[in-house]
Structures are given as structure tokens and as C-alpha cells.
Amino acid sequence: GALLRSAQVWPGLGIVLFWVLYTTAVGGDMLGMFRFYVPVLPLLTSTV
């Protein structure tokens, strides 16, 4: 928990949250396999 609350983690997860809201608002994508979420997946998986 302490690492999750650190300045090295929570800003990155905040950017992921921003990207989720943006992707949802623009309607996602119809091209398959979650293209719009690919750029933030390294951030998300590596933070975990």
C-alpha cells in the first residue's frame, strides 16, 4: 500500500484513469483487440 500511494506510482495510475475516461468518451474503437488501450498497457502491467 505504501508504494501504491507513493509519487512514483499514483500519478501513472492517474494517467491510466484519464486514458480510460478519454477512450470511453470518444467511443472506443471498432478495429478489434483494444487498439486504443495498447499504449497504456505497459504502464499498467509494469506498475502491477
All heavy atoms as atom14 arrays in JSON, in Angstrom:
{
  "sequence": "GALLRSAQVWPGLGIVLFWVLYTTAVGGDMLGMFRFYVPVLPLLTSTV",
  "atom14_mask": [
    [1, 1, 1, 1, 0, 0, 0, 0, 0, 0, 0, 0, 0, 0],
    [1, 1, 1, 1, 1, 0, 0, 0, 0, 0, 0, 0, 0, 0],
    [1, 1, 1, 1, 1, 1, 1, 1, 0, 0, 0, 0, 0, 0],
    [1, 1, 1, 1, 1, 1, 1, 1, 0, 0, 0, 0, 0, 0],
    [1, 1, 1, 1, 1, 1, 1, 1, 1, 1, 1, 0, 0, 0],
    [1, 1, 1, 1, 1, 1, 0, 0, 0, 0, 0, 0, 0, 0],
    [1, 1, 1, 1, 1, 0, 0, 0, 0, 0, 0, 0, 0, 0],
    [1, 1, 1, 1, 1, 1, 1, 1, 1, 0, 0, 0, 0, 0],
    [1, 1, 1, 1, 1, 1, 1, 0, 0, 0, 0, 0, 0, 0],
    [1, 1, 1, 1, 1, 1, 1, 1, 1, 1, 1, 1, 1, 1],
    [1, 1, 1, 1, 1, 1, 1, 0, 0, 0, 0, 0, 0, 0],
    [1, 1, 1, 1, 0, 0, 0, 0, 0, 0, 0, 0, 0, 0],
    [1, 1, 1, 1, 1, 1, 1, 1, 0, 0, 0, 0, 0, 0],
    [1, 1, 1, 1, 0, 0, 0, 0, 0, 0, 0, 0, 0, 0],
    [1, 1, 1, 1, 1, 1, 1, 1, 0, 0, 0, 0, 0, 0],
    [1, 1, 1, 1, 1, 1, 1, 0, 0, 0, 0, 0, 0, 0],
    [1, 1, 1, 1, 1, 1, 1, 1, 0, 0, 0, 0, 0, 0],
    [1, 1, 1, 1, 1, 1, 1, 1, 1, 1, 1, 0, 0, 0],
    [1, 1, 1, 1, 1, 1, 1, 1, 1, 1, 1, 1, 1, 1],
    [1, 1, 1, 1, 1, 1, 1, 0, 0, 0, 0, 0, 0, 0],
    [1, 1, 1, 1, 1, 1, 1, 1, 0, 0, 0, 0, 0, 0],
    [1, 1, 1, 1, 1, 1, 1, 1, 1, 1, 1, 1, 0, 0],
    [1, 1, 1, 1, 1, 1, 1, 0, 0, 0, 0, 0, 0, 0],
    [1, 1, 1, 1, 1, 1, 1, 0, 0, 0, 0, 0, 0, 0],
    [1, 1, 1, 1, 1, 0, 0, 0, 0, 0, 0, 0, 0, 0],
    [1, 1, 1, 1, 1, 1, 1, 0, 0, 0, 0, 0, 0, 0],
    [1, 1, 1, 1, 0, 0, 0, 0, 0, 0, 0, 0, 0, 0],
    [1, 1, 1, 1, 0, 0, 0, 0, 0, 0, 0, 0, 0, 0],
    [1, 1, 1, 1, 1, 1, 1, 1, 0, 0, 0, 0, 0, 0],
    [1, 1, 1, 1, 1, 1, 1, 1, 0, 0, 0, 0, 0, 0],
    [1, 1, 1, 1, 1, 1, 1, 1, 0, 0, 0, 0, 0, 0],
    [1, 1, 1, 1, 0, 0, 0, 0, 0, 0, 0, 0, 0, 0],
    [1, 1, 1, 1, 1, 1, 1, 1, 0, 0, 0, 0, 0, 0],
    [1, 1, 1, 1, 1, 1, 1, 1, 1, 1, 1, 0, 0, 0],
    [1, 1, 1, 1, 1, 1, 1, 1, 1, 1, 1, 0, 0, 0],
    [1, 1, 1, 1, 1, 1, 1, 1, 1, 1, 1, 0, 0, 0],
    [1, 1, 1, 1, 1, 1, 1, 1, 1, 1, 1, 1, 0, 0],
    [1, 1, 1, 1, 1, 1, 1, 0, 0, 0, 0, 0, 0, 0],
    [1, 1, 1, 1, 1, 1, 1, 0, 0, 0, 0, 0, 0, 0],
    [1, 1, 1, 1, 1, 1, 1, 0, 0, 0, 0, 0, 0, 0],
    [1, 1, 1, 1, 1, 1, 1, 1, 0, 0, 0, 0, 0, 0],
    [1, 1, 1, 1, 1, 1, 1, 0, 0, 0, 0, 0, 0, 0],
    [1, 1, 1, 1, 1, 1, 1, 1, 0, 0, 0, 0, 0, 0],
    [1, 1, 1, 1, 1, 1, 1, 1, 0, 0, 0, 0, 0, 0],
    [1, 1, 1, 1, 1, 1, 1, 0, 0, 0, 0, 0, 0, 0],
    [1, 1, 1, 1, 1, 1, 0, 0, 0, 0, 0, 0, 0, 0],
    [1, 1, 1, 1, 1, 1, 1, 0, 0, 0, 0, 0, 0, 0],
    [1, 1, 1, 1, 1, 1, 1, 0, 0, 0, 0, 0, 0, 0]
  ],
  "atom14_positions": [
    [[0.8, -1.23, 0.0], [0.0, 0.0, 0.0], [0.82, 1.27, 0.0], [0.48, 2.25, -0.67], [0.0, 0.0, 0.0], [0.0, 0.0, 0.0], [0.0, 0.0, 0.0], [0.0, 0.0, 0.0], [0.0, 0.0, 0.0], [0.0, 0.0, 0.0], [0.0, 0.0, 0.0], [0.0, 0.0, 0.0], [0.0, 0.0, 0.0], [0.0, 0.0, 0.0]],
    [[1.92, 1.28, 0.74], [2.76, 2.48, 0.8], [3.33, 2.82, -0.57], [3.39, 4.0, -0.96], [3.88, 2.28, 1.81], [0.0, 0.0, 0.0], [0.0, 0.0, 0.0], [0.0, 0.0, 0.0], [0.0, 0.0, 0.0], [0.0, 0.0, 0.0], [0.0, 0.0, 0.0], [0.0, 0.0, 0.0], [0.0, 0.0, 0.0], [0.0, 0.0, 0.0]],
    [[3.75, 1.82, -1.32], [4.28, 2.07, -2.66], [3.18, 2.58, -3.59], [3.41, 3.46, -4.41], [4.91, 0.8, -3.22], [5.54, 0.93, -4.62], [6.66, 1.96, -4.61], [6.05, -0.41, -5.11], [0.0, 0.0, 0.0], [0.0, 0.0, 0.0], [0.0, 0.0, 0.0], [0.0, 0.0, 0.0], [0.0, 0.0, 0.0], [0.0, 0.0, 0.0]],
    [[1.98, 2.03, -3.45], [0.86, 2.47, -4.28], [0.59, 3.96, -4.08], [0.23, 4.67, -5.02], [-0.39, 1.66, -3.94], [-1.68, 2.03, -4.7], [-1.51, 1.78, -6.19], [-2.87, 1.25, -4.16], [0.0, 0.0, 0.0], [0.0, 0.0, 0.0], [0.0, 0.0, 0.0], [0.0, 0.0, 0.0], [0.0, 0.0, 0.0], [0.0, 0.0, 0.0]],
    [[0.77, 4.44, -2.85], [0.5, 5.85, -2.54], [1.69, 6.75, -2.83], [1.6, 7.97, -2.67], [0.09, 5.99, -1.07], [-1.22, 5.31, -0.72], [-1.66, 5.63, 0.7], [-0.71, 5.1, 1.68], [-0.78, 3.9, 2.22], [-1.74, 3.07, 1.84], [0.11, 3.49, 3.11], [0.0, 0.0, 0.0], [0.0, 0.0, 0.0], [0.0, 0.0, 0.0]],
    [[2.79, 6.18, -3.27], [3.99, 6.98, -3.49], [3.87, 7.8, -4.77], [3.08, 7.49, -5.66], [5.22, 6.07, -3.57], [5.24, 5.37, -4.81], [0.0, 0.0, 0.0], [0.0, 0.0, 0.0], [0.0, 0.0, 0.0], [0.0, 0.0, 0.0], [0.0, 0.0, 0.0], [0.0, 0.0, 0.0], [0.0, 0.0, 0.0], [0.0, 0.0, 0.0]],
    [[4.72, 8.83, -4.87], [4.71, 9.72, -6.04], [5.25, 9.04, -7.29], [5.18, 9.61, -8.38], [5.52, 10.97, -5.74], [0.0, 0.0, 0.0], [0.0, 0.0, 0.0], [0.0, 0.0, 0.0], [0.0, 0.0, 0.0], [0.0, 0.0, 0.0], [0.0, 0.0, 0.0], [0.0, 0.0, 0.0], [0.0, 0.0, 0.0], [0.0, 0.0, 0.0]],
    [[5.8, 7.84, -7.14], [6.29, 7.09, -8.28], [5.21, 6.22, -8.91], [5.42, 5.66, -9.99], [7.48, 6.21, -7.88], [8.72, 6.98, -7.44], [9.39, 7.71, -8.58], [8.95, 8.8, -8.97], [10.42, 7.12, -9.15], [0.0, 0.0, 0.0], [0.0, 0.0, 0.0], [0.0, 0.0, 0.0], [0.0, 0.0, 0.0], [0.0, 0.0, 0.0]],
    [[4.07, 6.08, -8.23], [3.03, 5.17, -8.71], [1.71, 5.89, -9.02], [1.17, 5.76, -10.12], [2.78, 4.03, -7.7], [1.57, 3.19, -8.1], [4.02, 3.15, -7.6], [0.0, 0.0, 0.0], [0.0, 0.0, 0.0], [0.0, 0.0, 0.0], [0.0, 0.0, 0.0], [0.0, 0.0, 0.0], [0.0, 0.0, 0.0], [0.0, 0.0, 0.0]],
    [[1.18, 6.63, -8.05], [-0.18, 7.13, -8.25], [-0.33, 8.1, -9.43], [-1.38, 8.09, -10.09], [-0.74, 7.74, -6.96], [-0.1, 9.01, -6.47], [0.83, 9.15, -5.49], [-0.36, 10.34, -6.96], [1.18, 10.46, -5.32], [0.46, 11.22, -6.2], [-1.2, 10.87, -7.93], [0.47, 12.6, -6.41], [-1.19, 12.24, -8.14], [-0.37, 13.1, -7.38]],
    [[0.68, 8.94, -9.79], [0.48, 9.76, -10.98], [0.32, 8.93, -12.25], [-0.48, 9.26, -13.13], [1.75, 10.62, -11.03], [2.25, 10.66, -9.63], [1.94, 9.29, -9.09], [0.0, 0.0, 0.0], [0.0, 0.0, 0.0], [0.0, 0.0, 0.0], [0.0, 0.0, 0.0], [0.0, 0.0, 0.0], [0.0, 0.0, 0.0], [0.0, 0.0, 0.0]],
    [[1.08, 7.82, -12.35], [0.96, 6.96, -13.52], [-0.41, 6.31, -13.6], [-1.01, 6.25, -14.69], [0.0, 0.0, 0.0], [0.0, 0.0, 0.0], [0.0, 0.0, 0.0], [0.0, 0.0, 0.0], [0.0, 0.0, 0.0], [0.0, 0.0, 0.0], [0.0, 0.0, 0.0], [0.0, 0.0, 0.0], [0.0, 0.0, 0.0], [0.0, 0.0, 0.0]],
    [[-0.92, 5.84, -12.48], [-2.25, 5.25, -12.48], [-3.31, 6.32, -12.76], [-4.34, 6.03, -13.37], [-2.52, 4.57, -11.14], [-1.66, 3.33, -10.85], [-2.02, 2.73, -9.49], [-1.81, 2.29, -11.96], [0.0, 0.0, 0.0], [0.0, 0.0, 0.0], [0.0, 0.0, 0.0], [0.0, 0.0, 0.0], [0.0, 0.0, 0.0], [0.0, 0.0, 0.0]],
    [[-3.04, 7.56, -12.35], [-3.95, 8.65, -12.69], [-4.01, 8.9, -14.18], [-5.08, 9.18, -14.74], [0.0, 0.0, 0.0], [0.0, 0.0, 0.0], [0.0, 0.0, 0.0], [0.0, 0.0, 0.0], [0.0, 0.0, 0.0], [0.0, 0.0, 0.0], [0.0, 0.0, 0.0], [0.0, 0.0, 0.0], [0.0, 0.0, 0.0], [0.0, 0.0, 0.0]],
    [[-2.85, 8.78, -14.86], [-2.82, 8.93, -16.31], [-3.59, 7.8, -16.98], [-4.31, 8.02, -17.97], [-1.37, 9.0, -16.8], [-0.74, 10.33, -16.36], [-1.29, 8.85, -18.33], [0.73, 10.46, -16.67], [0.0, 0.0, 0.0], [0.0, 0.0, 0.0], [0.0, 0.0, 0.0], [0.0, 0.0, 0.0], [0.0, 0.0, 0.0], [0.0, 0.0, 0.0]],
    [[-3.47, 6.58, -16.44], [-4.25, 5.46, -16.98], [-5.75, 5.75, -16.83], [-6.53, 5.51, -17.76], [-3.88, 4.15, -16.27], [-4.84, 3.03, -16.67], [-2.45, 3.75, -16.59], [0.0, 0.0, 0.0], [0.0, 0.0, 0.0], [0.0, 0.0, 0.0], [0.0, 0.0, 0.0], [0.0, 0.0, 0.0], [0.0, 0.0, 0.0], [0.0, 0.0, 0.0]],
    [[-6.15, 6.27, -15.68], [-7.56, 6.6, -15.47], [-8.02, 7.66, -16.46], [-9.12, 7.56, -17.03], [-7.77, 7.09, -14.04], [-9.21, 7.53, -13.69], [-10.19, 6.38, -13.89], [-9.27, 8.07, -12.26], [0.0, 0.0, 0.0], [0.0, 0.0, 0.0], [0.0, 0.0, 0.0], [0.0, 0.0, 0.0], [0.0, 0.0, 0.0], [0.0, 0.0, 0.0]],
    [[-7.2, 8.67, -16.68], [-7.53, 9.68, -17.69], [-7.74, 9.04, -19.05], [-8.69, 9.37, -19.78], [-6.41, 10.72, -17.77], [-6.42, 11.53, -19.04], [-7.3, 12.58, -19.19], [-5.57, 11.21, -20.11], [-7.33, 13.33, -20.38], [-5.59, 11.94, -21.28], [-6.48, 13.0, -21.42], [0.0, 0.0, 0.0], [0.0, 0.0, 0.0], [0.0, 0.0, 0.0]],
    [[-6.85, 8.11, -19.41], [-6.94, 7.45, -20.71], [-8.21, 6.61, -20.82], [-8.83, 6.55, -21.88], [-5.71, 6.59, -20.93], [-5.58, 6.09, -22.34], [-5.83, 4.84, -22.8], [-5.2, 6.85, -23.49], [-5.61, 4.75, -24.14], [-5.22, 5.98, -24.59], [-4.82, 8.17, -23.67], [-4.89, 6.4, -25.88], [-4.49, 8.59, -24.95], [-4.53, 7.71, -26.04]],
    [[-8.6, 5.97, -19.73], [-9.83, 5.18, -19.73], [-11.04, 6.09, -19.98], [-11.92, 5.77, -20.79], [-9.99, 4.43, -18.38], [-11.4, 3.85, -18.25], [-8.95, 3.33, -18.26], [0.0, 0.0, 0.0], [0.0, 0.0, 0.0], [0.0, 0.0, 0.0], [0.0, 0.0, 0.0], [0.0, 0.0, 0.0], [0.0, 0.0, 0.0], [0.0, 0.0, 0.0]],
    [[-11.07, 7.22, -19.29], [-12.19, 8.16, -19.47], [-12.2, 8.72, -20.89], [-13.27, 8.84, -21.51], [-12.08, 9.29, -18.45], [-12.23, 8.88, -16.98], [-11.99, 10.07, -16.07], [-13.61, 8.28, -16.72], [0.0, 0.0, 0.0], [0.0, 0.0, 0.0], [0.0, 0.0, 0.0], [0.0, 0.0, 0.0], [0.0, 0.0, 0.0], [0.0, 0.0, 0.0]],
    [[-11.03, 9.05, -21.41], [-10.95, 9.58, -22.78], [-11.43, 8.54, -23.79], [-12.24, 8.84, -24.68], [-9.51, 9.99, -23.08], [-9.26, 10.21, -24.56], [-9.66, 11.37, -25.19], [-8.65, 9.2, -25.33], [-9.45, 11.56, -26.55], [-8.42, 9.39, -26.68], [-8.83, 10.56, -27.3], [-8.63, 10.73, -28.64], [0.0, 0.0, 0.0], [0.0, 0.0, 0.0]],
    [[-10.91, 7.33, -23.69], [-11.27, 6.28, -24.64], [-12.76, 6.0, -24.6], [-13.4, 5.79, -25.65], [-10.48, 5.0, -24.32], [-9.08, 5.26, -24.45], [-10.85, 3.86, -25.26], [0.0, 0.0, 0.0], [0.0, 0.0, 0.0], [0.0, 0.0, 0.0], [0.0, 0.0, 0.0], [0.0, 0.0, 0.0], [0.0, 0.0, 0.0], [0.0, 0.0, 0.0]],
    [[-13.33, 5.99, -23.42], [-14.77, 5.77, -23.28], [-15.55, 6.91, -23.93], [-16.54, 6.68, -24.64], [-15.15, 5.64, -21.81], [-14.38, 4.59, -21.21], [-16.63, 5.31, -21.65], [0.0, 0.0, 0.0], [0.0, 0.0, 0.0], [0.0, 0.0, 0.0], [0.0, 0.0, 0.0], [0.0, 0.0, 0.0], [0.0, 0.0, 0.0], [0.0, 0.0, 0.0]],
    [[-15.1, 8.14, -23.72], [-15.83, 9.31, -24.22], [-15.79, 9.41, -25.74], [-16.77, 9.85, -26.35], [-15.25, 10.58, -23.61], [0.0, 0.0, 0.0], [0.0, 0.0, 0.0], [0.0, 0.0, 0.0], [0.0, 0.0, 0.0], [0.0, 0.0, 0.0], [0.0, 0.0, 0.0], [0.0, 0.0, 0.0], [0.0, 0.0, 0.0], [0.0, 0.0, 0.0]],
    [[-14.69, 8.98, -26.36], [-14.61, 9.08, -27.83], [-15.27, 7.89, -28.52], [-15.35, 7.84, -29.75], [-13.16, 9.23, -28.32], [-12.54, 10.5, -27.78], [-12.32, 8.01, -27.97], [0.0, 0.0, 0.0], [0.0, 0.0, 0.0], [0.0, 0.0, 0.0], [0.0, 0.0, 0.0], [0.0, 0.0, 0.0], [0.0, 0.0, 0.0], [0.0, 0.0, 0.0]],
    [[-15.73, 6.91, -27.73], [-16.48, 5.8, -28.32], [-15.71, 4.52, -28.52], [-16.23, 3.57, -29.11], [0.0, 0.0, 0.0], [0.0, 0.0, 0.0], [0.0, 0.0, 0.0], [0.0, 0.0, 0.0], [0.0, 0.0, 0.0], [0.0, 0.0, 0.0], [0.0, 0.0, 0.0], [0.0, 0.0, 0.0], [0.0, 0.0, 0.0], [0.0, 0.0, 0.0]],
    [[-14.45, 4.48, -28.04], [-13.67, 3.26, -28.24], [-13.27, 3.11, -29.7], [-13.05, 4.09, -30.4], [0.0, 0.0, 0.0], [0.0, 0.0, 0.0], [0.0, 0.0, 0.0], [0.0, 0.0, 0.0], [0.0, 0.0, 0.0], [0.0, 0.0, 0.0], [0.0, 0.0, 0.0], [0.0, 0.0, 0.0], [0.0, 0.0, 0.0], [0.0, 0.0, 0.0]],
    [[-13.22, 1.88, -30.15], [-12.69, 1.59, -31.48], [-13.43, 0.37, -32.03], [-13.85, -0.51, -31.28], [-11.19, 1.3, -31.37], [-10.51, 1.21, -32.72], [-10.97, 1.87, -33.66], [-9.52, 0.48, -32.83], [0.0, 0.0, 0.0], [0.0, 0.0, 0.0], [0.0, 0.0, 0.0], [0.0, 0.0, 0.0], [0.0, 0.0, 0.0], [0.0, 0.0, 0.0]],
    [[-13.58, 0.32, -33.34], [-14.25, -0.83, -33.95], [-13.27, -1.75, -34.68], [-13.68, -2.66, -35.38], [-15.33, -0.37, -34.94], [-14.83, 0.39, -36.14], [-16.11, 0.7, -37.38], [-16.41, -0.96, -38.0], [0.0, 0.0, 0.0], [0.0, 0.0, 0.0], [0.0, 0.0, 0.0], [0.0, 0.0, 0.0], [0.0, 0.0, 0.0], [0.0, 0.0, 0.0]],
    [[-11.97, -1.55, -34.5], [-10.97, -2.29, -35.25], [-10.49, -3.56, -34.56], [-9.69, -4.29, -35.12], [-9.78, -1.39, -35.59], [-10.13, -0.15, -36.41], [-8.87, 0.66, -36.71], [-10.83, -0.52, -37.71], [0.0, 0.0, 0.0], [0.0, 0.0, 0.0], [0.0, 0.0, 0.0], [0.0, 0.0, 0.0], [0.0, 0.0, 0.0], [0.0, 0.0, 0.0]],
    [[-10.91, -3.82, -33.34], [-10.59, -5.08, -32.69], [-9.35, -5.05, -31.83], [-8.42, -4.28, -32.04], [0.0, 0.0, 0.0], [0.0, 0.0, 0.0], [0.0, 0.0, 0.0], [0.0, 0.0, 0.0], [0.0, 0.0, 0.0], [0.0, 0.0, 0.0], [0.0, 0.0, 0.0], [0.0, 0.0, 0.0], [0.0, 0.0, 0.0], [0.0, 0.0, 0.0]],
    [[-9.32, -5.89, -30.82], [-8.18, -6.13, -29.93], [-7.7, -4.88, -29.2], [-6.51, -4.68, -28.99], [-7.02, -6.78, -30.67], [-7.26, -8.25, -31.01], [-7.78, -9.3, -29.62], [-6.35, -9.25, -28.57], [0.0, 0.0, 0.0], [0.0, 0.0, 0.0], [0.0, 0.0, 0.0], [0.0, 0.0, 0.0], [0.0, 0.0, 0.0], [0.0, 0.0, 0.0]],
    [[-8.66, -4.03, -28.8], [-8.39, -2.95, -27.85], [-7.23, -2.05, -28.27], [-6.37, -1.7, -27.46], [-8.11, -3.54, -26.46], [-9.21, -4.43, -25.95], [-9.01, -5.81, -25.87], [-10.42, -3.92, -25.56], [-10.02, -6.65, -25.41], [-11.44, -4.75, -25.1], [-11.24, -6.11, -25.02], [0.0, 0.0, 0.0], [0.0, 0.0, 0.0], [0.0, 0.0, 0.0]],
    [[-7.24, -1.63, -29.53], [-6.15, -0.8, -30.04], [-5.92, 0.45, -29.18], [-4.78, 0.83, -28.91], [-6.44, -0.37, -31.47], [-5.43, 0.6, -32.07], [-5.7, 0.87, -33.52], [-6.94, 1.59, -33.73], [-7.02, 2.83, -34.23], [-5.92, 3.47, -34.54], [-8.19, 3.41, -34.43], [0.0, 0.0, 0.0], [0.0, 0.0, 0.0], [0.0, 0.0, 0.0]],
    [[-7.01, 1.1, -28.76], [-6.85, 2.35, -28.03], [-6.18, 2.16, -26.68], [-5.62, 3.12, -26.13], [-8.22, 3.01, -27.84], [-8.66, 3.84, -29.03], [-8.06, 3.68, -30.26], [-9.68, 4.76, -28.91], [-8.46, 4.43, -31.35], [-10.09, 5.52, -29.99], [-9.49, 5.35, -31.22], [0.0, 0.0, 0.0], [0.0, 0.0, 0.0], [0.0, 0.0, 0.0]],
    [[-6.24, 0.96, -26.11], [-5.67, 0.75, -24.79], [-4.22, 0.24, -24.84], [-3.56, 0.16, -23.8], [-6.53, -0.23, -23.99], [-7.74, 0.44, -23.38], [-9.02, 0.14, -23.81], [-7.59, 1.4, -22.4], [-10.13, 0.76, -23.27], [-8.69, 2.04, -21.85], [-9.96, 1.72, -22.29], [-11.05, 2.36, -21.74], [0.0, 0.0, 0.0], [0.0, 0.0, 0.0]],
    [[-3.72, -0.07, -26.01], [-2.36, -0.61, -26.11], [-1.32, 0.33, -25.51], [-0.44, -0.12, -24.76], [-2.03, -0.94, -27.58], [-0.54, -1.26, -27.74], [-2.87, -2.13, -28.05], [0.0, 0.0, 0.0], [0.0, 0.0, 0.0], [0.0, 0.0, 0.0], [0.0, 0.0, 0.0], [0.0, 0.0, 0.0], [0.0, 0.0, 0.0], [0.0, 0.0, 0.0]],
    [[-1.34, 1.64, -25.79], [-0.25, 2.5, -25.29], [-0.09, 2.51, -23.78], [1.04, 2.67, -23.28], [-0.64, 3.89, -25.82], [-1.47, 3.62, -27.03], [-2.24, 2.39, -26.68], [0.0, 0.0, 0.0], [0.0, 0.0, 0.0], [0.0, 0.0, 0.0], [0.0, 0.0, 0.0], [0.0, 0.0, 0.0], [0.0, 0.0, 0.0], [0.0, 0.0, 0.0]],
    [[-1.17, 2.35, -23.01], [-1.05, 2.41, -21.55], [-0.87, 1.04, -20.92], [-0.65, 0.96, -19.7], [-2.27, 3.11, -20.92], [-2.37, 4.55, -21.41], [-3.56, 2.36, -21.17], [0.0, 0.0, 0.0], [0.0, 0.0, 0.0], [0.0, 0.0, 0.0], [0.0, 0.0, 0.0], [0.0, 0.0, 0.0], [0.0, 0.0, 0.0], [0.0, 0.0, 0.0]],
    [[-0.94, -0.01, -21.69], [-0.81, -1.35, -21.11], [0.57, -1.6, -20.51], [0.66, -2.22, -19.43], [-1.17, -2.41, -22.14], [-2.67, -2.73, -22.2], [-3.03, -3.47, -23.47], [-3.09, -3.54, -20.98], [0.0, 0.0, 0.0], [0.0, 0.0, 0.0], [0.0, 0.0, 0.0], [0.0, 0.0, 0.0], [0.0, 0.0, 0.0], [0.0, 0.0, 0.0]],
    [[1.68, -1.16, -21.11], [2.97, -1.34, -20.43], [3.01, -0.64, -19.08], [3.57, -1.17, -18.11], [3.98, -0.72, -21.41], [3.32, -0.81, -22.74], [1.87, -0.6, -22.46], [0.0, 0.0, 0.0], [0.0, 0.0, 0.0], [0.0, 0.0, 0.0], [0.0, 0.0, 0.0], [0.0, 0.0, 0.0], [0.0, 0.0, 0.0], [0.0, 0.0, 0.0]],
    [[2.43, 0.55, -19.0], [2.39, 1.28, -17.73], [1.58, 0.5, -16.7], [2.0, 0.34, -15.55], [1.79, 2.66, -17.98], [1.92, 3.74, -16.89], [1.72, 5.13, -17.5], [0.91, 3.53, -15.78], [0.0, 0.0, 0.0], [0.0, 0.0, 0.0], [0.0, 0.0, 0.0], [0.0, 0.0, 0.0], [0.0, 0.0, 0.0], [0.0, 0.0, 0.0]],
    [[0.45, 0.0, -17.13], [-0.45, -0.7, -16.2], [0.15, -2.02, -15.73], [0.2, -2.31, -14.53], [-1.79, -0.94, -16.9], [-2.95, -1.42, -16.05], [-3.23, -0.47, -14.89], [-4.21, -1.57, -16.9], [0.0, 0.0, 0.0], [0.0, 0.0, 0.0], [0.0, 0.0, 0.0], [0.0, 0.0, 0.0], [0.0, 0.0, 0.0], [0.0, 0.0, 0.0]],
    [[0.63, -2.84, -16.66], [1.16, -4.15, -16.28], [2.43, -4.02, -15.44], [2.6, -4.74, -14.45], [1.46, -5.01, -17.52], [2.36, -4.3, -18.39], [0.18, -5.33, -18.29], [0.0, 0.0, 0.0], [0.0, 0.0, 0.0], [0.0, 0.0, 0.0], [0.0, 0.0, 0.0], [0.0, 0.0, 0.0], [0.0, 0.0, 0.0], [0.0, 0.0, 0.0]],
    [[3.32, -3.1, -15.8], [4.58, -2.97, -15.07], [4.37, -2.39, -13.68], [5.09, -2.74, -12.73], [5.55, -2.1, -15.86], [5.89, -2.72, -17.08], [0.0, 0.0, 0.0], [0.0, 0.0, 0.0], [0.0, 0.0, 0.0], [0.0, 0.0, 0.0], [0.0, 0.0, 0.0], [0.0, 0.0, 0.0], [0.0, 0.0, 0.0], [0.0, 0.0, 0.0]],
    [[3.4, -1.5, -13.53], [3.1, -0.97, -12.19], [2.6, -2.08, -11.28], [3.0, -2.17, -10.11], [2.06, 0.15, -12.29], [2.59, 1.23, -13.07], [1.69, 0.67, -10.91], [0.0, 0.0, 0.0], [0.0, 0.0, 0.0], [0.0, 0.0, 0.0], [0.0, 0.0, 0.0], [0.0, 0.0, 0.0], [0.0, 0.0, 0.0], [0.0, 0.0, 0.0]],
    [[1.75, -2.93, -11.81], [1.25, -4.07, -11.02], [2.41, -4.99, -10.64], [2.5, -5.46, -9.5], [0.16, -4.83, -11.79], [-0.16, -6.15, -11.1], [-1.08, -3.98, -11.91], [0.0, 0.0, 0.0], [0.0, 0.0, 0.0], [0.0, 0.0, 0.0], [0.0, 0.0, 0.0], [0.0, 0.0, 0.0], [0.0, 0.0, 0.0], [0.0, 0.0, 0.0]]
  ]
}
